[in-house]
Amino acid sequence: MKKLIELRESQNVTQVELARLLNKPQSYVSKVEILERRLDVIELIDWLSVLKTNIAEFIS
């Protein structure tokens, strides 16, 4: 999840902004980032899409 946090922060997106773009509560983003909640593949793709990042780029 460190990579997801770095990606979000590199784009100057707050947890609140990301949550709004995902139509989720801010607590959802927080729980993912502190490893209380796991993302499934679909959620990861949605997260990366909002941050305009291709999954292949993210994985490599």
Protein backbone atom coordinates (compact mmCIF):
# COMPACT_ATOMS: atom_id res chain seq x y z
CA MET A 1 0.00 0.00 0.00
CA LYS A 2 2.97 2.29 0.35
CA LYS A 3 3.08 2.54 -3.43
CA LEU A 4 -0.59 3.61 -3.52
CA ILE A 5 0.06 6.30 -0.92
CA GLU A 6 3.09 7.55 -2.84
CA LEU A 7 1.06 7.64 -6.06
CA ARG A 8 -1.76 9.60 -4.42
CA GLU A 9 0.60 12.04 -2.74
CA SER A 10 2.68 12.54 -5.90
CA GLN A 11 -0.46 13.86 -7.56
CA ASN A 12 -1.27 16.11 -4.58
CA VAL A 13 -4.55 14.27 -3.97
CA THR A 14 -5.79 14.06 -0.41
CA GLN A 15 -7.58 11.06 1.06
CA VAL A 16 -10.77 13.13 1.08
CA GLU A 17 -10.43 14.01 -2.62
CA LEU A 18 -9.66 10.43 -3.59
CA ALA A 19 -12.62 9.14 -1.60
CA ARG A 20 -14.92 11.66 -3.30
CA LEU A 21 -13.66 10.58 -6.74
CA LEU A 22 -14.26 6.93 -5.81
CA ASN A 23 -17.69 7.68 -4.30
CA LYS A 24 -16.52 6.18 -1.03
CA PRO A 25 -16.13 7.59 2.49
CA GLN A 26 -12.72 8.93 3.48
CA SER A 27 -12.47 6.12 6.02
CA TYR A 28 -12.38 3.62 3.11
CA VAL A 29 -9.21 5.24 1.73
CA SER A 30 -7.68 5.46 5.19
CA LYS A 31 -8.37 1.80 5.99
CA VAL A 32 -6.83 0.69 2.70
CA GLU A 33 -3.74 2.80 3.31
CA ILE A 34 -3.19 1.54 6.86
CA LEU A 35 -3.80 -2.07 5.74
CA GLU A 36 -7.04 -2.55 7.68
CA ARG A 37 -8.80 -3.30 4.40
CA ARG A 38 -7.61 -5.04 1.26
CA LEU A 39 -8.46 -4.00 -2.27
CA ASP A 40 -9.69 -6.54 -4.76
CA VAL A 41 -8.54 -6.27 -8.38
CA ILE A 42 -11.59 -4.29 -9.51
CA GLU A 43 -11.17 -1.80 -6.66
CA LEU A 44 -7.47 -1.44 -7.47
CA ILE A 45 -8.28 -0.72 -11.12
CA ASP A 46 -10.87 1.88 -10.05
CA TRP A 47 -8.36 3.47 -7.65
CA LEU A 48 -5.67 3.63 -10.35
CA SER A 49 -8.13 4.91 -12.94
CA VAL A 50 -9.07 7.85 -10.72
CA LEU A 51 -5.36 8.58 -10.32
CA LYS A 52 -4.88 8.24 -14.11
CA THR A 53 -2.42 5.39 -13.79
CA ASN A 54 -2.32 2.25 -15.90
CA ILE A 55 -2.24 -0.97 -13.87
CA ALA A 56 0.71 -2.25 -15.91
CA GLU A 57 2.70 0.90 -15.03
CA PHE A 58 1.75 0.52 -11.38
CA ILE A 59 2.81 -3.11 -11.16
CA SER A 60 6.15 -2.67 -12.92
